[in-house]
Amino acid sequence: MRNFRTLILLAALGTALAGCGARRELMPLKGHSLPPAPFGREDKPGPDVLLTPPVQAKPQRNIELRSRSEDREDDPFDLPPEE
């Protein structure tokens, strides 16, 4: 019974420690620098700008819900397998 309590206590402590991360501004490691500025750009973008994905990398979802079943149109590329 005591081992069970110890395991529960350790699991709770581990969960609590995993959830308390320090939030601070991102900086490069000592001895390292940010990548060079892109060609044609005078200023170097900061870490937050570099970590933000462009729209092409993460497009918005377009969800069109269907209210009823619809027949599919003929697909000219849906050919039977060749022998």
N, C-alpha and C. Protein backbone atom coordinates (compact mmCIF):
# COMPACT_ATOMS: atom_id res chain seq x y z
N MET A 1 0.82 -1.18 0.00
CA MET A 1 0.00 0.00 0.00
C MET A 1 0.87 1.26 0.00
N ARG A 2 1.98 1.18 0.73
CA ARG A 2 2.87 2.35 0.80
C ARG A 2 3.53 2.60 -0.55
N ASN A 3 3.88 1.54 -1.27
CA ASN A 3 4.49 1.71 -2.59
C ASN A 3 3.52 2.36 -3.57
N PHE A 4 2.25 2.01 -3.45
CA PHE A 4 1.22 2.60 -4.33
C PHE A 4 1.11 4.10 -4.07
N ARG A 5 1.12 4.50 -2.81
CA ARG A 5 1.07 5.93 -2.47
C ARG A 5 2.29 6.66 -3.00
N THR A 6 3.44 6.03 -2.88
CA THR A 6 4.68 6.64 -3.37
C THR A 6 4.61 6.83 -4.89
N LEU A 7 4.11 5.84 -5.59
CA LEU A 7 3.98 5.96 -7.04
C LEU A 7 3.02 7.07 -7.43
N ILE A 8 1.90 7.16 -6.73
CA ILE A 8 0.93 8.23 -7.01
C ILE A 8 1.56 9.59 -6.74
N LEU A 9 2.28 9.73 -5.64
CA LEU A 9 2.93 10.98 -5.29
C LEU A 9 3.98 11.36 -6.34
N LEU A 10 4.78 10.40 -6.77
CA LEU A 10 5.79 10.66 -7.79
C LEU A 10 5.16 11.04 -9.13
N ALA A 11 4.07 10.38 -9.49
CA ALA A 11 3.38 10.71 -10.74
C ALA A 11 2.81 12.12 -10.68
N ALA A 12 2.21 12.49 -9.55
CA ALA A 12 1.66 13.83 -9.41
C ALA A 12 2.77 14.88 -9.43
N LEU A 13 3.88 14.61 -8.76
CA LEU A 13 5.01 15.53 -8.74
C LEU A 13 5.60 15.69 -10.14
N GLY A 14 5.74 14.60 -10.86
CA GLY A 14 6.26 14.66 -12.23
C GLY A 14 5.36 15.45 -13.15
N THR A 15 4.04 15.27 -13.00
CA THR A 15 3.08 16.02 -13.82
C THR A 15 3.15 17.50 -13.49
N ALA A 16 3.26 17.82 -12.21
CA ALA A 16 3.35 19.23 -11.81
C ALA A 16 4.63 19.88 -12.34
N LEU A 17 5.74 19.18 -12.27
CA LEU A 17 7.00 19.73 -12.77
C LEU A 17 7.01 19.87 -14.28
N ALA A 18 6.36 18.96 -14.97
CA ALA A 18 6.31 19.03 -16.43
C ALA A 18 5.49 20.21 -16.90
N GLY A 19 4.53 20.64 -16.12
CA GLY A 19 3.65 21.74 -16.52
C GLY A 19 4.18 23.11 -16.19
N CYS A 20 5.26 23.22 -15.44
CA CYS A 20 5.71 24.55 -15.03
C CYS A 20 6.96 24.95 -15.83
N GLY A 21 6.80 25.20 -17.09
CA GLY A 21 7.90 25.63 -17.93
C GLY A 21 8.08 27.14 -17.87
N ALA A 22 9.31 27.59 -18.02
CA ALA A 22 9.56 29.03 -18.01
C ALA A 22 9.26 29.59 -19.40
N ARG A 23 8.51 30.69 -19.43
CA ARG A 23 8.21 31.35 -20.70
C ARG A 23 9.01 32.63 -20.75
N ARG A 24 9.85 32.71 -21.75
CA ARG A 24 10.66 33.91 -21.92
C ARG A 24 10.94 34.10 -23.40
N GLU A 25 11.52 35.22 -23.73
CA GLU A 25 11.79 35.53 -25.13
C GLU A 25 12.85 34.57 -25.68
N LEU A 26 12.64 34.11 -26.89
CA LEU A 26 13.59 33.20 -27.51
C LEU A 26 14.86 33.95 -27.92
N MET A 27 15.98 33.38 -27.60
CA MET A 27 17.27 33.96 -27.96
C MET A 27 18.15 32.84 -28.48
N PRO A 28 19.09 33.16 -29.40
CA PRO A 28 20.00 32.12 -29.86
C PRO A 28 20.95 31.70 -28.74
N LEU A 29 21.49 30.50 -28.84
CA LEU A 29 22.44 30.01 -27.85
C LEU A 29 23.70 30.86 -27.86
N LYS A 30 24.44 30.83 -26.75
CA LYS A 30 25.68 31.59 -26.68
C LYS A 30 26.65 31.02 -27.72
N GLY A 31 27.31 31.92 -28.44
CA GLY A 31 28.25 31.50 -29.48
C GLY A 31 27.59 31.28 -30.83
N HIS A 32 26.27 31.34 -30.89
CA HIS A 32 25.54 31.17 -32.15
C HIS A 32 24.82 32.48 -32.47
N SER A 33 24.49 32.65 -33.73
CA SER A 33 23.74 33.84 -34.13
C SER A 33 22.54 33.41 -34.97
N LEU A 34 21.64 34.34 -35.19
CA LEU A 34 20.48 34.06 -36.03
C LEU A 34 20.94 33.89 -37.47
N PRO A 35 20.15 33.24 -38.31
CA PRO A 35 20.53 33.09 -39.71
C PRO A 35 20.63 34.46 -40.38
N PRO A 36 21.39 34.55 -41.46
CA PRO A 36 21.52 35.84 -42.14
C PRO A 36 20.18 36.31 -42.70
N ALA A 37 20.11 37.61 -42.94
CA ALA A 37 18.87 38.19 -43.49
C ALA A 37 18.61 37.61 -44.88
N PRO A 38 17.35 37.40 -45.25
CA PRO A 38 17.04 36.91 -46.58
C PRO A 38 17.52 37.88 -47.66
N PHE A 39 17.77 37.37 -48.84
CA PHE A 39 18.26 38.19 -49.94
C PHE A 39 17.28 39.31 -50.24
N GLY A 40 17.78 40.53 -50.31
CA GLY A 40 16.95 41.67 -50.62
C GLY A 40 16.30 42.30 -49.41
N ARG A 41 16.58 41.80 -48.24
CA ARG A 41 16.00 42.36 -47.02
C ARG A 41 17.13 42.95 -46.18
N GLU A 42 16.92 44.15 -45.68
CA GLU A 42 17.98 44.82 -44.95
C GLU A 42 18.06 44.41 -43.49
N ASP A 43 16.92 44.17 -42.86
CA ASP A 43 16.94 43.83 -41.43
C ASP A 43 16.85 42.32 -41.24
N LYS A 44 17.38 41.85 -40.12
CA LYS A 44 17.28 40.44 -39.78
C LYS A 44 15.96 40.19 -39.07
N PRO A 45 15.17 39.21 -39.51
CA PRO A 45 13.94 38.91 -38.78
C PRO A 45 14.27 38.26 -37.44
N GLY A 46 13.45 38.53 -36.44
CA GLY A 46 13.65 37.97 -35.10
C GLY A 46 13.18 36.53 -35.01
N PRO A 47 13.43 35.89 -33.87
CA PRO A 47 13.04 34.48 -33.71
C PRO A 47 11.53 34.26 -33.85
N ASP A 48 10.72 35.20 -33.34
CA ASP A 48 9.27 35.02 -33.44
C ASP A 48 8.80 35.04 -34.89
N VAL A 49 9.40 35.89 -35.70
CA VAL A 49 9.04 35.97 -37.12
C VAL A 49 9.49 34.70 -37.83
N LEU A 50 10.68 34.21 -37.49
CA LEU A 50 11.19 33.00 -38.14
C LEU A 50 10.39 31.76 -37.76
N LEU A 51 9.81 31.75 -36.56
CA LEU A 51 9.05 30.57 -36.12
C LEU A 51 7.59 30.60 -36.54
N THR A 52 7.11 31.70 -37.09
CA THR A 52 5.73 31.80 -37.55
C THR A 52 5.65 31.21 -38.97
N PRO A 53 4.87 30.14 -39.17
CA PRO A 53 4.80 29.54 -40.51
C PRO A 53 4.06 30.44 -41.49
N PRO A 54 4.48 30.47 -42.75
CA PRO A 54 3.76 31.27 -43.73
C PRO A 54 2.40 30.64 -44.04
N VAL A 55 1.54 31.40 -44.68
CA VAL A 55 0.19 30.93 -44.99
C VAL A 55 0.23 29.70 -45.88
N GLN A 56 1.19 29.65 -46.81
CA GLN A 56 1.27 28.49 -47.71
C GLN A 56 1.62 27.21 -46.94
N ALA A 57 2.35 27.33 -45.85
CA ALA A 57 2.74 26.15 -45.08
C ALA A 57 1.60 25.67 -44.18
N LYS A 58 0.72 26.57 -43.80
CA LYS A 58 -0.37 26.22 -42.90
C LYS A 58 -1.64 26.91 -43.38
N PRO A 59 -2.26 26.40 -44.45
CA PRO A 59 -3.45 27.06 -44.98
C PRO A 59 -4.64 26.91 -44.05
N GLN A 60 -5.58 27.82 -44.20
CA GLN A 60 -6.80 27.73 -43.40
C GLN A 60 -7.67 26.61 -43.95
N ARG A 61 -8.41 25.99 -43.08
CA ARG A 61 -9.29 24.90 -43.49
C ARG A 61 -10.57 25.45 -44.09
N ASN A 62 -11.01 24.81 -45.14
CA ASN A 62 -12.27 25.18 -45.77
C ASN A 62 -13.17 23.95 -45.68
N ILE A 63 -14.06 23.98 -44.73
CA ILE A 63 -14.92 22.83 -44.49
C ILE A 63 -16.29 23.12 -45.07
N GLU A 64 -16.67 22.33 -46.07
CA GLU A 64 -18.00 22.45 -46.65
C GLU A 64 -18.80 21.22 -46.22
N LEU A 65 -19.75 21.42 -45.35
CA LEU A 65 -20.55 20.31 -44.89
C LEU A 65 -21.62 19.98 -45.92
N ARG A 66 -21.80 18.71 -46.14
CA ARG A 66 -22.83 18.26 -47.07
C ARG A 66 -24.09 17.96 -46.27
N SER A 67 -25.20 18.46 -46.74
CA SER A 67 -26.46 18.23 -46.04
C SER A 67 -27.15 16.96 -46.51
N ARG A 68 -26.79 16.48 -47.72
CA ARG A 68 -27.38 15.24 -48.21
C ARG A 68 -26.38 14.57 -49.16
N SER A 69 -26.63 13.32 -49.47
CA SER A 69 -25.75 12.59 -50.37
C SER A 69 -25.87 13.11 -51.79
N GLU A 70 -24.76 13.08 -52.50
CA GLU A 70 -24.76 13.50 -53.90
C GLU A 70 -24.02 12.46 -54.72
N ASP A 71 -24.50 12.22 -55.94
CA ASP A 71 -23.82 11.30 -56.83
C ASP A 71 -22.52 11.93 -57.32
N ARG A 72 -21.51 11.09 -57.45
CA ARG A 72 -20.24 11.58 -57.96
C ARG A 72 -20.30 11.73 -59.47
N GLU A 73 -19.58 12.70 -59.97
CA GLU A 73 -19.48 12.88 -61.41
C GLU A 73 -18.52 11.83 -61.96
N ASP A 74 -18.62 11.57 -63.26
CA ASP A 74 -17.70 10.63 -63.90
C ASP A 74 -16.28 11.17 -63.82
N ASP A 75 -15.35 10.29 -63.50
CA ASP A 75 -13.94 10.66 -63.43
C ASP A 75 -13.25 10.07 -64.65
N PRO A 76 -12.75 10.90 -65.59
CA PRO A 76 -12.13 10.36 -66.79
C PRO A 76 -10.83 9.62 -66.51
N PHE A 77 -10.25 9.84 -65.33
CA PHE A 77 -8.97 9.18 -65.01
C PHE A 77 -9.17 7.90 -64.21
N ASP A 78 -10.40 7.53 -63.90
CA ASP A 78 -10.67 6.31 -63.16
C ASP A 78 -10.79 5.17 -64.17
N LEU A 79 -9.65 4.65 -64.57
CA LEU A 79 -9.59 3.61 -65.60
C LEU A 79 -9.43 2.25 -64.97
N PRO A 80 -9.94 1.19 -65.62
CA PRO A 80 -9.73 -0.15 -65.09
C PRO A 80 -8.26 -0.55 -65.24
N PRO A 81 -7.80 -1.46 -64.40
CA PRO A 81 -6.39 -1.88 -64.48
C PRO A 81 -6.11 -2.59 -65.80
N GLU A 82 -4.89 -2.38 -66.31
CA GLU A 82 -4.48 -3.04 -67.55
C GLU A 82 -3.97 -4.44 -67.24
N GLU A 83 -4.19 -5.36 -68.16
CA GLU A 83 -3.75 -6.74 -67.95
C GLU A 83 -2.39 -6.96 -68.50
